[in-house]
mmCIF file of all heavy atoms, coordinates in Angstrom:
data_MODEL
# 
_entry.id   MODEL 
# 
loop_
_atom_site.group_PDB 
_atom_site.id 
_atom_site.type_symbol 
_atom_site.label_atom_id 
_atom_site.label_alt_id 
_atom_site.label_comp_id 
_atom_site.label_asym_id 
_atom_site.label_entity_id 
_atom_site.label_seq_id 
_atom_site.pdbx_PDB_ins_code 
_atom_site.Cartn_x 
_atom_site.Cartn_y 
_atom_site.Cartn_z 
_atom_site.occupancy 
_atom_site.B_iso_or_equiv 
_atom_site.pdbx_formal_charge 
_atom_site.auth_seq_id 
_atom_site.auth_comp_id 
_atom_site.auth_asym_id 
_atom_site.auth_atom_id 
_atom_site.pdbx_PDB_model_num 
ATOM 1   N N   . ASP A 1 1  ? -0.373  8.211  8.060   1.00 0.00 ? 1  ASP A N   1 
ATOM 2   C CA  . ASP A 1 1  ? -0.304  6.797  7.702   1.00 0.00 ? 1  ASP A CA  1 
ATOM 3   C C   . ASP A 1 1  ? 0.890   6.090  8.350   1.00 0.00 ? 1  ASP A C   1 
ATOM 4   O O   . ASP A 1 1  ? 1.507   5.210  7.745   1.00 0.00 ? 1  ASP A O   1 
ATOM 5   C CB  . ASP A 1 1  ? -0.249  6.622  6.186   1.00 0.00 ? 1  ASP A CB  1 
ATOM 6   C CG  . ASP A 1 1  ? 0.822   7.489  5.536   1.00 0.00 ? 1  ASP A CG  1 
ATOM 7   O OD1 . ASP A 1 1  ? 1.719   7.967  6.247   1.00 0.00 ? 1  ASP A OD1 1 
ATOM 8   O OD2 . ASP A 1 1  ? 0.772   7.680  4.303   1.00 0.00 ? 1  ASP A OD2 1 
ATOM 9   N N   . VAL A 1 2  ? 1.205   6.476  9.584   1.00 0.00 ? 2  VAL A N   1 
ATOM 10  C CA  . VAL A 1 2  ? 2.353   5.885  10.277  1.00 0.00 ? 2  VAL A CA  1 
ATOM 11  C C   . VAL A 1 2  ? 2.192   4.369  10.400  1.00 0.00 ? 2  VAL A C   1 
ATOM 12  O O   . VAL A 1 2  ? 3.122   3.592  10.121  1.00 0.00 ? 2  VAL A O   1 
ATOM 13  C CB  . VAL A 1 2  ? 2.534   6.523  11.665  1.00 0.00 ? 2  VAL A CB  1 
ATOM 14  C CG1 . VAL A 1 2  ? 3.623   5.794  12.447  1.00 0.00 ? 2  VAL A CG1 1 
ATOM 15  C CG2 . VAL A 1 2  ? 2.868   8.003  11.525  1.00 0.00 ? 2  VAL A CG2 1 
ATOM 16  N N   . ALA A 1 3  ? 1.003   3.918  10.796  1.00 0.00 ? 3  ALA A N   1 
ATOM 17  C CA  . ALA A 1 3  ? 0.776   2.478  10.978  1.00 0.00 ? 3  ALA A CA  1 
ATOM 18  C C   . ALA A 1 3  ? 0.914   1.721  9.668   1.00 0.00 ? 3  ALA A C   1 
ATOM 19  O O   . ALA A 1 3  ? 1.498   0.623  9.623   1.00 0.00 ? 3  ALA A O   1 
ATOM 20  C CB  . ALA A 1 3  ? -0.617  2.244  11.578  1.00 0.00 ? 3  ALA A CB  1 
ATOM 21  N N   . GLN A 1 4  ? 0.409   2.298  8.589   1.00 0.00 ? 4  GLN A N   1 
ATOM 22  C CA  . GLN A 1 4  ? 0.492   1.634  7.287   1.00 0.00 ? 4  GLN A CA  1 
ATOM 23  C C   . GLN A 1 4  ? 1.945   1.560  6.798   1.00 0.00 ? 4  GLN A C   1 
ATOM 24  O O   . GLN A 1 4  ? 2.366   0.553  6.227   1.00 0.00 ? 4  GLN A O   1 
ATOM 25  C CB  . GLN A 1 4  ? -0.376  2.377  6.261   1.00 0.00 ? 4  GLN A CB  1 
ATOM 26  C CG  . GLN A 1 4  ? -1.873  2.242  6.468   1.00 0.00 ? 4  GLN A CG  1 
ATOM 27  C CD  . GLN A 1 4  ? -2.387  3.063  7.646   1.00 0.00 ? 4  GLN A CD  1 
ATOM 28  O OE1 . GLN A 1 4  ? -1.773  4.057  8.040   1.00 0.00 ? 4  GLN A OE1 1 
ATOM 29  N NE2 . GLN A 1 4  ? -3.498  2.657  8.228   1.00 0.00 ? 4  GLN A NE2 1 
ATOM 30  N N   . ARG A 1 5  ? 2.699   2.618  7.053   1.00 0.00 ? 5  ARG A N   1 
ATOM 31  C CA  . ARG A 1 5  ? 4.108   2.596  6.631   1.00 0.00 ? 5  ARG A CA  1 
ATOM 32  C C   . ARG A 1 5  ? 4.894   1.571  7.435   1.00 0.00 ? 5  ARG A C   1 
ATOM 33  O O   . ARG A 1 5  ? 5.768   0.884  6.894   1.00 0.00 ? 5  ARG A O   1 
ATOM 34  C CB  . ARG A 1 5  ? 4.732   3.990  6.799   1.00 0.00 ? 5  ARG A CB  1 
ATOM 35  C CG  . ARG A 1 5  ? 4.192   5.028  5.827   1.00 0.00 ? 5  ARG A CG  1 
ATOM 36  C CD  . ARG A 1 5  ? 5.159   6.197  5.655   1.00 0.00 ? 5  ARG A CD  1 
ATOM 37  N NE  . ARG A 1 5  ? 5.595   6.778  6.913   1.00 0.00 ? 5  ARG A NE  1 
ATOM 38  C CZ  . ARG A 1 5  ? 4.930   7.733  7.569   1.00 0.00 ? 5  ARG A CZ  1 
ATOM 39  N NH1 . ARG A 1 5  ? 3.785   8.194  7.080   1.00 0.00 ? 5  ARG A NH1 1 
ATOM 40  N NH2 . ARG A 1 5  ? 5.402   8.236  8.697   1.00 0.00 ? 5  ARG A NH2 1 
ATOM 41  N N   . GLU A 1 6  ? 4.590   1.459  8.723   1.00 0.00 ? 6  GLU A N   1 
ATOM 42  C CA  . GLU A 1 6  ? 5.313   0.496  9.548   1.00 0.00 ? 6  GLU A CA  1 
ATOM 43  C C   . GLU A 1 6  ? 5.048   -0.938 9.094   1.00 0.00 ? 6  GLU A C   1 
ATOM 44  O O   . GLU A 1 6  ? 5.948   -1.781 9.113   1.00 0.00 ? 6  GLU A O   1 
ATOM 45  C CB  . GLU A 1 6  ? 4.904   0.661  11.015  1.00 0.00 ? 6  GLU A CB  1 
ATOM 46  C CG  . GLU A 1 6  ? 5.452   1.933  11.661  1.00 0.00 ? 6  GLU A CG  1 
ATOM 47  C CD  . GLU A 1 6  ? 5.000   2.085  13.103  1.00 0.00 ? 6  GLU A CD  1 
ATOM 48  O OE1 . GLU A 1 6  ? 4.111   1.307  13.529  1.00 0.00 ? 6  GLU A OE1 1 
ATOM 49  O OE2 . GLU A 1 6  ? 5.528   2.984  13.796  1.00 0.00 ? 6  GLU A OE2 1 
ATOM 50  N N   . GLU A 1 7  ? 3.820   -1.215 8.661   1.00 0.00 ? 7  GLU A N   1 
ATOM 51  C CA  . GLU A 1 7  ? 3.472   -2.587 8.287   1.00 0.00 ? 7  GLU A CA  1 
ATOM 52  C C   . GLU A 1 7  ? 3.834   -2.917 6.845   1.00 0.00 ? 7  GLU A C   1 
ATOM 53  O O   . GLU A 1 7  ? 4.297   -4.031 6.555   1.00 0.00 ? 7  GLU A O   1 
ATOM 54  C CB  . GLU A 1 7  ? 1.976   -2.830 8.506   1.00 0.00 ? 7  GLU A CB  1 
ATOM 55  C CG  . GLU A 1 7  ? 1.554   -4.259 8.191   1.00 0.00 ? 7  GLU A CG  1 
ATOM 56  C CD  . GLU A 1 7  ? 0.106   -4.546 8.558   1.00 0.00 ? 7  GLU A CD  1 
ATOM 57  O OE1 . GLU A 1 7  ? -0.552  -3.650 9.125   1.00 0.00 ? 7  GLU A OE1 1 
ATOM 58  O OE2 . GLU A 1 7  ? -0.356  -5.672 8.299   1.00 0.00 ? 7  GLU A OE2 1 
ATOM 59  N N   . PHE A 1 8  ? 3.635   -1.942 5.934   1.00 0.00 ? 8  PHE A N   1 
ATOM 60  C CA  . PHE A 1 8  ? 3.788   -2.241 4.509   1.00 0.00 ? 8  PHE A CA  1 
ATOM 61  C C   . PHE A 1 8  ? 4.956   -1.512 3.845   1.00 0.00 ? 8  PHE A C   1 
ATOM 62  O O   . PHE A 1 8  ? 5.272   -1.792 2.696   1.00 0.00 ? 8  PHE A O   1 
ATOM 63  C CB  . PHE A 1 8  ? 2.496   -1.894 3.768   1.00 0.00 ? 8  PHE A CB  1 
ATOM 64  C CG  . PHE A 1 8  ? 1.305   -2.689 4.223   1.00 0.00 ? 8  PHE A CG  1 
ATOM 65  C CD1 . PHE A 1 8  ? 0.432   -2.186 5.169   1.00 0.00 ? 8  PHE A CD1 1 
ATOM 66  C CD2 . PHE A 1 8  ? 1.066   -3.963 3.718   1.00 0.00 ? 8  PHE A CD2 1 
ATOM 67  C CE1 . PHE A 1 8  ? -0.668  -2.917 5.602   1.00 0.00 ? 8  PHE A CE1 1 
ATOM 68  C CE2 . PHE A 1 8  ? -0.026  -4.706 4.137   1.00 0.00 ? 8  PHE A CE2 1 
ATOM 69  C CZ  . PHE A 1 8  ? -0.896  -4.181 5.088   1.00 0.00 ? 8  PHE A CZ  1 
ATOM 70  N N   . GLY A 1 9  ? 5.556   -0.567 4.540   1.00 0.00 ? 9  GLY A N   1 
ATOM 71  C CA  . GLY A 1 9  ? 6.651   0.207  3.960   1.00 0.00 ? 9  GLY A CA  1 
ATOM 72  C C   . GLY A 1 9  ? 6.204   1.551  3.452   1.00 0.00 ? 9  GLY A C   1 
ATOM 73  O O   . GLY A 1 9  ? 6.896   2.554  3.633   1.00 0.00 ? 9  GLY A O   1 
ATOM 74  N N   . SER A 1 10 ? 5.059   1.592  2.798   1.00 0.00 ? 10 SER A N   1 
ATOM 75  C CA  . SER A 1 10 ? 4.476   2.841  2.297   1.00 0.00 ? 10 SER A CA  1 
ATOM 76  C C   . SER A 1 10 ? 3.051   2.566  1.869   1.00 0.00 ? 10 SER A C   1 
ATOM 77  O O   . SER A 1 10 ? 2.661   1.397  1.671   1.00 0.00 ? 10 SER A O   1 
ATOM 78  C CB  . SER A 1 10 ? 5.276   3.407  1.114   1.00 0.00 ? 10 SER A CB  1 
ATOM 79  O OG  . SER A 1 10 ? 5.080   2.610  -0.049  1.00 0.00 ? 10 SER A OG  1 
ATOM 80  N N   . VAL A 1 11 ? 2.274   3.607  1.713   1.00 0.00 ? 11 VAL A N   1 
ATOM 81  C CA  . VAL A 1 11 ? 0.903   3.424  1.229   1.00 0.00 ? 11 VAL A CA  1 
ATOM 82  C C   . VAL A 1 11 ? 0.881   2.892  -0.199  1.00 0.00 ? 11 VAL A C   1 
ATOM 83  O O   . VAL A 1 11 ? 0.104   1.984  -0.510  1.00 0.00 ? 11 VAL A O   1 
ATOM 84  C CB  . VAL A 1 11 ? 0.095   4.729  1.369   1.00 0.00 ? 11 VAL A CB  1 
ATOM 85  C CG1 . VAL A 1 11 ? -1.230  4.627  0.611   1.00 0.00 ? 11 VAL A CG1 1 
ATOM 86  C CG2 . VAL A 1 11 ? -0.185  5.019  2.836   1.00 0.00 ? 11 VAL A CG2 1 
ATOM 87  N N   . PRO A 1 12 ? 1.711   3.409  -1.128  1.00 0.00 ? 12 PRO A N   1 
ATOM 88  C CA  . PRO A 1 12 ? 1.725   2.788  -2.464  1.00 0.00 ? 12 PRO A CA  1 
ATOM 89  C C   . PRO A 1 12 ? 2.041   1.291  -2.405  1.00 0.00 ? 12 PRO A C   1 
ATOM 90  O O   . PRO A 1 12 ? 1.447   0.499  -3.154  1.00 0.00 ? 12 PRO A O   1 
ATOM 91  C CB  . PRO A 1 12 ? 2.817   3.573  -3.194  1.00 0.00 ? 12 PRO A CB  1 
ATOM 92  C CG  . PRO A 1 12 ? 2.754   4.931  -2.581  1.00 0.00 ? 12 PRO A CG  1 
ATOM 93  C CD  . PRO A 1 12 ? 2.503   4.660  -1.125  1.00 0.00 ? 12 PRO A CD  1 
ATOM 94  N N   . ALA A 1 13 ? 2.960   0.893  -1.532  1.00 0.00 ? 13 ALA A N   1 
ATOM 95  C CA  . ALA A 1 13 ? 3.272   -0.531 -1.402  1.00 0.00 ? 13 ALA A CA  1 
ATOM 96  C C   . ALA A 1 13 ? 2.059   -1.303 -0.895  1.00 0.00 ? 13 ALA A C   1 
ATOM 97  O O   . ALA A 1 13 ? 1.784   -2.434 -1.340  1.00 0.00 ? 13 ALA A O   1 
ATOM 98  C CB  . ALA A 1 13 ? 4.461   -0.729 -0.469  1.00 0.00 ? 13 ALA A CB  1 
ATOM 99  N N   . LEU A 1 14 ? 1.304   -0.710 0.037   1.00 0.00 ? 14 LEU A N   1 
ATOM 100 C CA  . LEU A 1 14 ? 0.076   -1.338 0.523   1.00 0.00 ? 14 LEU A CA  1 
ATOM 101 C C   . LEU A 1 14 ? -0.942  -1.477 -0.608  1.00 0.00 ? 14 LEU A C   1 
ATOM 102 O O   . LEU A 1 14 ? -1.556  -2.539 -0.788  1.00 0.00 ? 14 LEU A O   1 
ATOM 103 C CB  . LEU A 1 14 ? -0.503  -0.500 1.665   1.00 0.00 ? 14 LEU A CB  1 
ATOM 104 C CG  . LEU A 1 14 ? -1.977  -0.741 2.055   1.00 0.00 ? 14 LEU A CG  1 
ATOM 105 C CD1 . LEU A 1 14 ? -2.209  -2.178 2.479   1.00 0.00 ? 14 LEU A CD1 1 
ATOM 106 C CD2 . LEU A 1 14 ? -2.396  0.225  3.157   1.00 0.00 ? 14 LEU A CD2 1 
ATOM 107 N N   . LEU A 1 15 ? -1.132  -0.418 -1.375  1.00 0.00 ? 15 LEU A N   1 
ATOM 108 C CA  . LEU A 1 15 ? -2.093  -0.463 -2.472  1.00 0.00 ? 15 LEU A CA  1 
ATOM 109 C C   . LEU A 1 15 ? -1.714  -1.517 -3.505  1.00 0.00 ? 15 LEU A C   1 
ATOM 110 O O   . LEU A 1 15 ? -2.582  -2.183 -4.076  1.00 0.00 ? 15 LEU A O   1 
ATOM 111 C CB  . LEU A 1 15 ? -2.193  0.918  -3.136  1.00 0.00 ? 15 LEU A CB  1 
ATOM 112 C CG  . LEU A 1 15 ? -2.642  2.070  -2.235  1.00 0.00 ? 15 LEU A CG  1 
ATOM 113 C CD1 . LEU A 1 15 ? -2.715  3.362  -3.024  1.00 0.00 ? 15 LEU A CD1 1 
ATOM 114 C CD2 . LEU A 1 15 ? -3.979  1.773  -1.560  1.00 0.00 ? 15 LEU A CD2 1 
ATOM 115 N N   . GLU A 1 16 ? -0.419  -1.665 -3.736  1.00 0.00 ? 16 GLU A N   1 
ATOM 116 C CA  . GLU A 1 16 ? 0.034   -2.708 -4.655  1.00 0.00 ? 16 GLU A CA  1 
ATOM 117 C C   . GLU A 1 16 ? -0.245  -4.091 -4.084  1.00 0.00 ? 16 GLU A C   1 
ATOM 118 O O   . GLU A 1 16 ? -0.713  -4.993 -4.799  1.00 0.00 ? 16 GLU A O   1 
ATOM 119 C CB  . GLU A 1 16 ? 1.544   -2.529 -4.913  1.00 0.00 ? 16 GLU A CB  1 
ATOM 120 C CG  . GLU A 1 16 ? 2.196   -3.642 -5.707  1.00 0.00 ? 16 GLU A CG  1 
ATOM 121 C CD  . GLU A 1 16 ? 1.880   -3.617 -7.196  1.00 0.00 ? 16 GLU A CD  1 
ATOM 122 O OE1 . GLU A 1 16 ? 0.928   -2.917 -7.611  1.00 0.00 ? 16 GLU A OE1 1 
ATOM 123 O OE2 . GLU A 1 16 ? 2.575   -4.312 -7.949  1.00 0.00 ? 16 GLU A OE2 1 
ATOM 124 N N   . LYS A 1 17 ? 0.022   -4.277 -2.806  1.00 0.00 ? 17 LYS A N   1 
ATOM 125 C CA  . LYS A 1 17 ? -0.153  -5.592 -2.175  1.00 0.00 ? 17 LYS A CA  1 
ATOM 126 C C   . LYS A 1 17 ? -1.609  -6.054 -2.220  1.00 0.00 ? 17 LYS A C   1 
ATOM 127 O O   . LYS A 1 17 ? -1.886  -7.246 -2.446  1.00 0.00 ? 17 LYS A O   1 
ATOM 128 C CB  . LYS A 1 17 ? 0.336   -5.546 -0.729  1.00 0.00 ? 17 LYS A CB  1 
ATOM 129 C CG  . LYS A 1 17 ? 0.274   -6.886 -0.005  1.00 0.00 ? 17 LYS A CG  1 
ATOM 130 C CD  . LYS A 1 17 ? 0.855   -6.782 1.392   1.00 0.00 ? 17 LYS A CD  1 
ATOM 131 C CE  . LYS A 1 17 ? 0.761   -8.122 2.134   1.00 0.00 ? 17 LYS A CE  1 
ATOM 132 N NZ  . LYS A 1 17 ? 1.520   -9.194 1.442   1.00 0.00 ? 17 LYS A NZ  1 
ATOM 133 N N   . VAL A 1 18 ? -2.547  -5.129 -2.020  1.00 0.00 ? 18 VAL A N   1 
ATOM 134 C CA  . VAL A 1 18 ? -3.966  -5.524 -2.009  1.00 0.00 ? 18 VAL A CA  1 
ATOM 135 C C   . VAL A 1 18 ? -4.587  -5.517 -3.401  1.00 0.00 ? 18 VAL A C   1 
ATOM 136 O O   . VAL A 1 18 ? -5.776  -5.785 -3.552  1.00 0.00 ? 18 VAL A O   1 
ATOM 137 C CB  . VAL A 1 18 ? -4.792  -4.618 -1.065  1.00 0.00 ? 18 VAL A CB  1 
ATOM 138 C CG1 . VAL A 1 18 ? -4.268  -4.701 0.347   1.00 0.00 ? 18 VAL A CG1 1 
ATOM 139 C CG2 . VAL A 1 18 ? -4.811  -3.163 -1.558  1.00 0.00 ? 18 VAL A CG2 1 
ATOM 140 N N   . GLY A 1 19 ? -3.790  -5.202 -4.417  1.00 0.00 ? 19 GLY A N   1 
ATOM 141 C CA  . GLY A 1 19 ? -4.285  -5.278 -5.786  1.00 0.00 ? 19 GLY A CA  1 
ATOM 142 C C   . GLY A 1 19 ? -5.034  -4.065 -6.275  1.00 0.00 ? 19 GLY A C   1 
ATOM 143 O O   . GLY A 1 19 ? -5.680  -4.106 -7.315  1.00 0.00 ? 19 GLY A O   1 
ATOM 144 N N   . LEU A 1 20 ? -4.941  -2.955 -5.573  1.00 0.00 ? 20 LEU A N   1 
ATOM 145 C CA  . LEU A 1 20 ? -5.701  -1.781 -5.987  1.00 0.00 ? 20 LEU A CA  1 
ATOM 146 C C   . LEU A 1 20 ? -5.064  -1.059 -7.175  1.00 0.00 ? 20 LEU A C   1 
ATOM 147 O O   . LEU A 1 20 ? -5.729  -0.318 -7.888  1.00 0.00 ? 20 LEU A O   1 
ATOM 148 C CB  . LEU A 1 20 ? -5.864  -0.810 -4.814  1.00 0.00 ? 20 LEU A CB  1 
ATOM 149 C CG  . LEU A 1 20 ? -6.858  0.327  -5.040  1.00 0.00 ? 20 LEU A CG  1 
ATOM 150 C CD1 . LEU A 1 20 ? -7.767  0.509  -3.845  1.00 0.00 ? 20 LEU A CD1 1 
ATOM 151 C CD2 . LEU A 1 20 ? -6.120  1.645  -5.296  1.00 0.00 ? 20 LEU A CD2 1 
ATOM 152 N N   . LEU A 1 21 ? -3.779  -1.281 -7.417  1.00 0.00 ? 21 LEU A N   1 
ATOM 153 C CA  . LEU A 1 21 ? -3.100  -0.564 -8.502  1.00 0.00 ? 21 LEU A CA  1 
ATOM 154 C C   . LEU A 1 21 ? -3.210  -1.275 -9.851  1.00 0.00 ? 21 LEU A C   1 
ATOM 155 O O   . LEU A 1 21 ? -2.532  -0.905 -10.795 1.00 0.00 ? 21 LEU A O   1 
ATOM 156 C CB  . LEU A 1 21 ? -1.613  -0.374 -8.153  1.00 0.00 ? 21 LEU A CB  1 
ATOM 157 C CG  . LEU A 1 21 ? -1.313  0.429  -6.894  1.00 0.00 ? 21 LEU A CG  1 
ATOM 158 C CD1 . LEU A 1 21 ? 0.190   0.684  -6.771  1.00 0.00 ? 21 LEU A CD1 1 
ATOM 159 C CD2 . LEU A 1 21 ? -2.061  1.751  -6.876  1.00 0.00 ? 21 LEU A CD2 1 
ATOM 160 N N   . GLY A 1 22 ? -4.071  -2.251 -9.953  1.00 0.00 ? 22 GLY A N   1 
ATOM 161 C CA  . GLY A 1 22 ? -4.155  -3.003 -11.200 1.00 0.00 ? 22 GLY A CA  1 
ATOM 162 C C   . GLY A 1 22 ? -4.989  -2.371 -12.291 1.00 0.00 ? 22 GLY A C   1 
ATOM 163 O O   . GLY A 1 22 ? -5.055  -2.902 -13.397 1.00 0.00 ? 22 GLY A O   1 
ATOM 164 N N   . GLY A 1 23 ? -5.639  -1.232 -12.034 1.00 0.00 ? 23 GLY A N   1 
ATOM 165 C CA  . GLY A 1 23 ? -6.492  -0.625 -13.045 1.00 0.00 ? 23 GLY A CA  1 
ATOM 166 C C   . GLY A 1 23 ? -6.234  0.858  -13.186 1.00 0.00 ? 23 GLY A C   1 
ATOM 167 O O   . GLY A 1 23 ? -5.097  1.316  -13.073 1.00 0.00 ? 23 GLY A O   1 
ATOM 168 N N   . ARG A 1 24 ? -7.296  1.635  -13.413 1.00 0.00 ? 24 ARG A N   1 
ATOM 169 C CA  . ARG A 1 24 ? -7.189  3.089  -13.533 1.00 0.00 ? 24 ARG A CA  1 
ATOM 170 C C   . ARG A 1 24 ? -7.175  3.693  -12.132 1.00 0.00 ? 24 ARG A C   1 
ATOM 171 O O   . ARG A 1 24 ? -8.143  3.563  -11.388 1.00 0.00 ? 24 ARG A O   1 
ATOM 172 C CB  . ARG A 1 24 ? -8.382  3.653  -14.315 1.00 0.00 ? 24 ARG A CB  1 
ATOM 173 C CG  . ARG A 1 24 ? -8.542  3.108  -15.727 1.00 0.00 ? 24 ARG A CG  1 
ATOM 174 C CD  . ARG A 1 24 ? -9.897  3.498  -16.314 1.00 0.00 ? 24 ARG A CD  1 
ATOM 175 N NE  . ARG A 1 24 ? -10.095 4.945  -16.340 1.00 0.00 ? 24 ARG A NE  1 
ATOM 176 C CZ  . ARG A 1 24 ? -11.279 5.537  -16.274 1.00 0.00 ? 24 ARG A CZ  1 
ATOM 177 N NH1 . ARG A 1 24 ? -12.382 4.818  -16.137 1.00 0.00 ? 24 ARG A NH1 1 
ATOM 178 N NH2 . ARG A 1 24 ? -11.365 6.857  -16.323 1.00 0.00 ? 24 ARG A NH2 1 
# 
């Protein structure tokens, strides 16, 4: 996930940004 880390900082940060962490 090198590209995702470069753009968003980390995959968890990406998941938070797109709203995926709002549920189960």
